[in-house]
């Protein structure tokens, strides 16, 4: 199995910055995609950003220019640098990974972290 452990959430004022981190561990052959999703109260979970093993990234329109996703393949870690934070960014942020767990069976499986709260408020 694969575990995703998140850190870095907290309370920040509008215009401030936070960095979220996610560490993956367990039976990992390859992490094809890692990403961040968020869910605000009363809203559906939405994609914030994704990054492939090759370093290609996707950022949601709402965070482009403010958030930057990155990963360290050797350490199986991923980060989300969040700048110029807005109250609308307040949500629970979830780490997500699509992982190949067996060198025999190369099928990929999706895993989720437990979520970390980000609150942007004055």
N, C-alpha and C. Protein backbone atom coordinates (compact mmCIF):
# COMPACT_ATOMS: atom_id res chain seq x y z
N UNK A 1 0.83 -1.17 0.00
CA UNK A 1 0.00 0.00 0.00
C UNK A 1 0.88 1.24 0.00
N UNK A 2 0.26 2.37 -0.30
CA UNK A 2 0.95 3.64 -0.39
C UNK A 2 0.31 4.61 0.59
N UNK A 3 1.16 5.35 1.28
CA UNK A 3 0.69 6.37 2.19
C UNK A 3 1.15 7.74 1.70
N UNK A 4 0.27 8.72 1.80
CA UNK A 4 0.58 10.09 1.45
C UNK A 4 0.43 10.93 2.70
N UNK A 5 1.51 11.58 3.11
CA UNK A 5 1.52 12.38 4.33
C UNK A 5 1.75 13.83 3.96
N UNK A 6 0.83 14.69 4.39
CA UNK A 6 0.86 16.09 4.04
C UNK A 6 1.32 16.95 5.21
N UNK A 7 1.86 18.11 4.89
CA UNK A 7 2.26 19.07 5.90
C UNK A 7 2.24 20.47 5.30
N UNK A 8 2.22 21.47 6.15
CA UNK A 8 2.35 22.85 5.71
C UNK A 8 1.10 23.69 5.76
N UNK A 9 -0.05 23.09 6.02
CA UNK A 9 -1.27 23.86 6.09
C UNK A 9 -1.30 24.75 7.31
N UNK A 10 -2.20 25.71 7.29
CA UNK A 10 -2.32 26.61 8.42
C UNK A 10 -3.12 27.85 8.08
N UNK A 11 -3.01 28.84 8.95
CA UNK A 11 -3.70 30.11 8.81
C UNK A 11 -2.74 31.16 8.29
N UNK A 12 -3.17 31.90 7.27
CA UNK A 12 -2.34 32.94 6.68
C UNK A 12 -3.23 34.11 6.28
N UNK A 13 -2.66 35.31 6.30
CA UNK A 13 -3.41 36.49 5.90
C UNK A 13 -3.46 36.61 4.38
N UNK A 14 -4.49 37.28 3.86
CA UNK A 14 -4.53 37.51 2.42
C UNK A 14 -3.24 38.17 1.92
N UNK A 15 -2.76 37.69 0.78
CA UNK A 15 -1.50 38.16 0.24
C UNK A 15 -0.29 37.41 0.72
N UNK A 16 -0.48 36.57 1.71
CA UNK A 16 0.62 35.80 2.25
C UNK A 16 0.93 34.55 1.46
N UNK A 17 1.85 33.77 1.98
CA UNK A 17 2.32 32.57 1.29
C UNK A 17 2.34 31.38 2.22
N UNK A 18 2.15 30.22 1.65
CA UNK A 18 2.29 28.94 2.34
C UNK A 18 2.89 27.94 1.37
N UNK A 19 3.58 26.96 1.91
CA UNK A 19 4.08 25.86 1.11
C UNK A 19 3.55 24.56 1.68
N UNK A 20 2.83 23.81 0.86
CA UNK A 20 2.34 22.50 1.23
C UNK A 20 3.30 21.44 0.72
N UNK A 21 3.47 20.39 1.50
CA UNK A 21 4.34 19.29 1.11
C UNK A 21 3.60 17.98 1.25
N UNK A 22 3.94 17.03 0.40
CA UNK A 22 3.37 15.69 0.44
C UNK A 22 4.48 14.68 0.25
N UNK A 23 4.57 13.73 1.16
CA UNK A 23 5.56 12.67 1.08
C UNK A 23 4.87 11.34 0.87
N UNK A 24 5.26 10.63 -0.17
CA UNK A 24 4.69 9.33 -0.48
C UNK A 24 5.64 8.23 -0.01
N UNK A 25 5.07 7.18 0.57
CA UNK A 25 5.87 6.06 1.01
C UNK A 25 5.09 4.77 0.82
N UNK A 26 5.79 3.65 0.88
CA UNK A 26 5.16 2.35 0.73
C UNK A 26 5.66 1.62 -0.50
N UNK A 27 4.78 0.83 -1.09
CA UNK A 27 5.14 0.00 -2.24
C UNK A 27 5.05 0.82 -3.52
N UNK A 28 6.11 1.55 -3.80
CA UNK A 28 6.13 2.46 -4.94
C UNK A 28 7.16 1.99 -5.96
N UNK A 29 6.68 1.70 -7.14
CA UNK A 29 7.55 1.44 -8.28
C UNK A 29 7.74 2.73 -9.07
N UNK A 30 6.65 3.42 -9.32
CA UNK A 30 6.71 4.68 -10.03
C UNK A 30 5.45 5.48 -9.71
N UNK A 31 5.63 6.76 -9.47
CA UNK A 31 4.50 7.66 -9.31
C UNK A 31 4.33 8.40 -10.64
N UNK A 32 3.30 8.04 -11.37
CA UNK A 32 3.10 8.63 -12.69
C UNK A 32 2.66 10.08 -12.60
N UNK A 33 1.74 10.36 -11.69
CA UNK A 33 1.21 11.70 -11.53
C UNK A 33 1.05 11.99 -10.04
N UNK A 34 1.43 13.18 -9.63
CA UNK A 34 1.11 13.67 -8.29
C UNK A 34 0.39 15.00 -8.45
N UNK A 35 -0.52 15.27 -7.53
CA UNK A 35 -1.26 16.51 -7.64
C UNK A 35 -1.88 16.94 -6.34
N UNK A 36 -2.41 18.14 -6.39
CA UNK A 36 -3.13 18.72 -5.27
C UNK A 36 -4.56 19.02 -5.69
N UNK A 37 -5.50 18.63 -4.86
CA UNK A 37 -6.90 18.97 -4.99
C UNK A 37 -7.33 19.74 -3.76
N UNK A 38 -8.41 20.48 -3.87
CA UNK A 38 -8.92 21.19 -2.71
C UNK A 38 -10.44 21.13 -2.69
N UNK A 39 -10.99 21.23 -1.50
CA UNK A 39 -12.43 21.21 -1.32
C UNK A 39 -12.81 22.22 -0.24
N UNK A 40 -13.58 23.21 -0.65
CA UNK A 40 -14.10 24.21 0.27
C UNK A 40 -15.47 23.76 0.78
N UNK A 41 -15.90 24.27 1.93
CA UNK A 41 -17.22 23.90 2.44
C UNK A 41 -18.32 24.16 1.42
N UNK A 42 -19.16 23.17 1.19
CA UNK A 42 -20.26 23.30 0.25
C UNK A 42 -19.87 23.21 -1.20
N UNK A 43 -18.59 22.95 -1.48
CA UNK A 43 -18.11 22.87 -2.85
C UNK A 43 -17.61 21.47 -3.16
N UNK A 44 -17.55 21.15 -4.44
CA UNK A 44 -16.98 19.88 -4.86
C UNK A 44 -15.46 19.97 -4.88
N UNK A 45 -14.83 18.83 -4.73
CA UNK A 45 -13.38 18.79 -4.80
C UNK A 45 -12.92 19.15 -6.21
N UNK A 46 -11.89 19.98 -6.29
CA UNK A 46 -11.41 20.44 -7.57
C UNK A 46 -9.90 20.31 -7.67
N UNK A 47 -9.43 20.12 -8.89
CA UNK A 47 -8.00 20.03 -9.14
C UNK A 47 -7.36 21.40 -9.00
N UNK A 48 -6.26 21.45 -8.26
CA UNK A 48 -5.48 22.66 -8.13
C UNK A 48 -4.29 22.64 -9.08
N UNK A 49 -3.52 21.56 -9.03
CA UNK A 49 -2.35 21.42 -9.88
C UNK A 49 -1.93 19.97 -9.92
N UNK A 50 -1.30 19.58 -11.02
CA UNK A 50 -0.76 18.24 -11.18
C UNK A 50 0.63 18.32 -11.79
N UNK A 51 1.43 17.30 -11.53
CA UNK A 51 2.75 17.21 -12.13
C UNK A 51 3.05 15.75 -12.44
N UNK A 52 3.56 15.48 -13.63
CA UNK A 52 3.90 14.13 -14.05
C UNK A 52 5.31 13.78 -13.60
N UNK A 53 5.66 12.51 -13.77
CA UNK A 53 7.01 12.08 -13.43
C UNK A 53 8.06 12.77 -14.29
N UNK A 54 7.66 13.22 -15.48
CA UNK A 54 8.57 13.93 -16.36
C UNK A 54 8.65 15.41 -16.10
N UNK A 55 7.83 15.91 -15.19
CA UNK A 55 7.89 17.32 -14.81
C UNK A 55 6.88 18.21 -15.50
N UNK A 56 6.01 17.66 -16.34
CA UNK A 56 4.97 18.47 -16.96
C UNK A 56 3.93 18.85 -15.92
N UNK A 57 3.46 20.08 -15.96
CA UNK A 57 2.54 20.57 -14.94
C UNK A 57 1.26 21.12 -15.54
N UNK A 58 0.22 21.06 -14.74
CA UNK A 58 -1.06 21.69 -15.03
C UNK A 58 -1.47 22.45 -13.78
N UNK A 59 -1.86 23.69 -13.96
CA UNK A 59 -2.38 24.50 -12.86
C UNK A 59 -3.77 25.00 -13.22
N UNK A 60 -4.68 24.94 -12.27
CA UNK A 60 -6.01 25.46 -12.49
C UNK A 60 -5.94 26.95 -12.80
N UNK A 61 -6.87 27.41 -13.64
CA UNK A 61 -6.88 28.82 -14.01
C UNK A 61 -6.92 29.74 -12.80
N UNK A 62 -7.62 29.32 -11.76
CA UNK A 62 -7.79 30.15 -10.59
C UNK A 62 -6.50 30.37 -9.80
N UNK A 63 -5.48 29.53 -10.04
CA UNK A 63 -4.24 29.65 -9.28
C UNK A 63 -3.03 29.92 -10.16
N UNK A 64 -3.21 29.97 -11.46
CA UNK A 64 -2.08 30.23 -12.35
C UNK A 64 -1.42 31.56 -12.02
N UNK A 65 -0.10 31.54 -11.97
CA UNK A 65 0.65 32.74 -11.63
C UNK A 65 0.84 32.94 -10.14
N UNK A 66 0.11 32.19 -9.33
CA UNK A 66 0.22 32.32 -7.88
C UNK A 66 0.74 31.06 -7.22
N UNK A 67 0.33 29.89 -7.72
CA UNK A 67 0.74 28.61 -7.15
C UNK A 67 1.71 27.92 -8.10
N UNK A 68 2.66 27.20 -7.54
CA UNK A 68 3.62 26.44 -8.33
C UNK A 68 3.79 25.05 -7.73
N UNK A 69 3.55 24.03 -8.55
CA UNK A 69 3.71 22.66 -8.10
C UNK A 69 5.09 22.15 -8.52
N UNK A 70 5.69 21.33 -7.67
CA UNK A 70 6.98 20.73 -7.99
C UNK A 70 7.08 19.37 -7.32
N UNK A 71 8.04 18.57 -7.75
CA UNK A 71 8.23 17.25 -7.14
C UNK A 71 9.70 16.86 -7.18
N UNK A 72 10.06 15.99 -6.26
CA UNK A 72 11.38 15.39 -6.21
C UNK A 72 11.17 13.90 -6.37
N UNK A 73 11.43 13.39 -7.56
CA UNK A 73 11.17 11.98 -7.85
C UNK A 73 12.02 11.05 -6.98
N UNK A 74 13.24 11.45 -6.68
CA UNK A 74 14.12 10.61 -5.88
C UNK A 74 13.60 10.44 -4.46
N UNK A 75 12.94 11.48 -3.94
CA UNK A 75 12.43 11.44 -2.57
C UNK A 75 10.94 11.11 -2.50
N UNK A 76 10.29 10.99 -3.65
CA UNK A 76 8.84 10.76 -3.70
C UNK A 76 8.08 11.82 -2.92
N UNK A 77 8.49 13.05 -3.11
CA UNK A 77 7.83 14.16 -2.44
C UNK A 77 7.33 15.17 -3.47
N UNK A 78 6.37 15.97 -3.04
CA UNK A 78 5.76 16.97 -3.88
C UNK A 78 5.46 18.19 -3.03
N UNK A 79 5.56 19.36 -3.64
CA UNK A 79 5.29 20.60 -2.94
C UNK A 79 4.36 21.49 -3.75
N UNK A 80 3.65 22.34 -3.05
CA UNK A 80 2.82 23.36 -3.68
C UNK A 80 3.17 24.68 -3.02
N UNK A 81 3.87 25.54 -3.76
CA UNK A 81 4.18 26.87 -3.28
C UNK A 81 3.02 27.78 -3.61
N UNK A 82 2.41 28.34 -2.59
CA UNK A 82 1.22 29.17 -2.75
C UNK A 82 1.57 30.61 -2.34
N UNK A 83 1.50 31.51 -3.31
CA UNK A 83 1.77 32.92 -3.08
C UNK A 83 0.52 33.74 -3.35
N UNK A 84 0.53 34.97 -2.86
CA UNK A 84 -0.60 35.89 -3.07
C UNK A 84 -1.92 35.23 -2.74
N UNK A 85 -1.99 34.61 -1.59
CA UNK A 85 -3.17 33.85 -1.21
C UNK A 85 -4.38 34.76 -1.03
N UNK A 86 -5.53 34.23 -1.42
CA UNK A 86 -6.80 34.93 -1.34
C UNK A 86 -7.75 34.17 -0.42
N UNK A 87 -8.74 34.84 0.16
CA UNK A 87 -9.73 34.12 0.96
C UNK A 87 -10.40 32.98 0.20
N UNK A 88 -10.55 33.14 -1.11
CA UNK A 88 -11.15 32.09 -1.92
C UNK A 88 -10.31 30.82 -1.99
N UNK A 89 -9.05 30.90 -1.58
CA UNK A 89 -8.20 29.73 -1.55
C UNK A 89 -8.43 28.87 -0.31
N UNK A 90 -9.23 29.36 0.62
CA UNK A 90 -9.50 28.61 1.84
C UNK A 90 -10.19 27.29 1.50
N UNK A 91 -9.60 26.19 1.94
CA UNK A 91 -10.13 24.87 1.63
C UNK A 91 -9.28 23.83 2.34
N UNK A 92 -9.77 22.60 2.30
CA UNK A 92 -8.94 21.47 2.67
C UNK A 92 -8.20 21.02 1.41
N UNK A 93 -6.89 20.94 1.50
CA UNK A 93 -6.07 20.57 0.36
C UNK A 93 -5.63 19.12 0.52
N UNK A 94 -5.83 18.34 -0.55
CA UNK A 94 -5.54 16.91 -0.54
C UNK A 94 -4.41 16.59 -1.51
N UNK A 95 -3.49 15.80 -1.05
CA UNK A 95 -2.46 15.24 -1.91
C UNK A 95 -3.03 14.03 -2.64
N UNK A 96 -2.69 13.89 -3.91
CA UNK A 96 -3.18 12.80 -4.74
C UNK A 96 -2.02 12.24 -5.56
N UNK A 97 -1.99 10.92 -5.71
CA UNK A 97 -0.93 10.31 -6.49
C UNK A 97 -1.46 9.11 -7.25
N UNK A 98 -1.01 8.95 -8.47
CA UNK A 98 -1.30 7.78 -9.29
C UNK A 98 -0.03 6.96 -9.33
N UNK A 99 -0.10 5.75 -8.77
CA UNK A 99 1.10 5.00 -8.43
C UNK A 99 1.07 3.61 -9.02
N UNK A 100 2.20 3.18 -9.59
CA UNK A 100 2.43 1.78 -9.92
C UNK A 100 3.09 1.15 -8.72
N UNK A 101 2.48 0.10 -8.15
CA UNK A 101 2.93 -0.46 -6.89
C UNK A 101 3.63 -1.80 -7.01
N UNK A 102 3.56 -2.45 -8.17
CA UNK A 102 4.16 -3.76 -8.34
C UNK A 102 4.96 -3.81 -9.63
N UNK A 103 6.21 -4.33 -9.57
CA UNK A 103 6.98 -4.48 -10.80
C UNK A 103 6.48 -5.62 -11.68
N UNK A 104 5.62 -6.49 -11.13
CA UNK A 104 5.04 -7.60 -11.89
C UNK A 104 3.75 -7.16 -12.55
N UNK A 105 2.87 -6.60 -11.75
CA UNK A 105 1.62 -6.03 -12.24
C UNK A 105 1.80 -4.52 -12.33
N UNK A 106 1.88 -4.01 -13.53
CA UNK A 106 2.19 -2.60 -13.74
C UNK A 106 0.96 -1.70 -13.76
N UNK A 107 -0.16 -2.21 -13.29
CA UNK A 107 -1.34 -1.37 -13.20
C UNK A 107 -1.14 -0.24 -12.21
N UNK A 108 -1.79 0.87 -12.47
CA UNK A 108 -1.65 2.03 -11.61
C UNK A 108 -2.89 2.23 -10.76
N UNK A 109 -2.68 2.77 -9.56
CA UNK A 109 -3.75 2.98 -8.60
C UNK A 109 -3.66 4.40 -8.05
N UNK A 110 -4.81 4.94 -7.70
CA UNK A 110 -4.89 6.29 -7.16
C UNK A 110 -4.94 6.26 -5.63
N UNK A 111 -4.20 7.17 -5.01
CA UNK A 111 -4.16 7.29 -3.56
C UNK A 111 -4.39 8.73 -3.16
N UNK A 112 -4.95 8.90 -1.97
CA UNK A 112 -5.24 10.22 -1.42
C UNK A 112 -4.62 10.39 -0.05
N UNK A 113 -4.16 11.60 0.22
CA UNK A 113 -3.76 11.96 1.57
C UNK A 113 -4.97 12.29 2.42
N UNK A 114 -4.72 12.60 3.68
CA UNK A 114 -5.81 12.84 4.62
C UNK A 114 -6.38 14.25 4.51
N UNK A 115 -5.68 15.14 3.88
CA UNK A 115 -6.10 16.52 3.74
C UNK A 115 -5.49 17.41 4.80
N UNK A 116 -5.19 18.64 4.42
CA UNK A 116 -4.67 19.63 5.35
C UNK A 116 -5.40 20.95 5.12
N UNK A 117 -5.78 21.60 6.21
CA UNK A 117 -6.57 22.82 6.13
C UNK A 117 -5.71 24.03 5.82
N UNK A 118 -6.13 24.79 4.83
CA UNK A 118 -5.54 26.09 4.53
C UNK A 118 -6.62 27.14 4.71
N UNK A 119 -6.37 28.09 5.59
CA UNK A 119 -7.33 29.15 5.86
C UNK A 119 -6.66 30.49 5.58
N UNK A 120 -7.26 31.27 4.69
CA UNK A 120 -6.76 32.59 4.33
C UNK A 120 -7.76 33.61 4.86
N UNK A 121 -7.35 34.34 5.88
CA UNK A 121 -8.26 35.26 6.54
C UNK A 121 -7.47 36.35 7.25
N UNK A 122 -8.05 37.54 7.31
CA UNK A 122 -7.46 38.64 8.04
C UNK A 122 -7.97 38.71 9.47
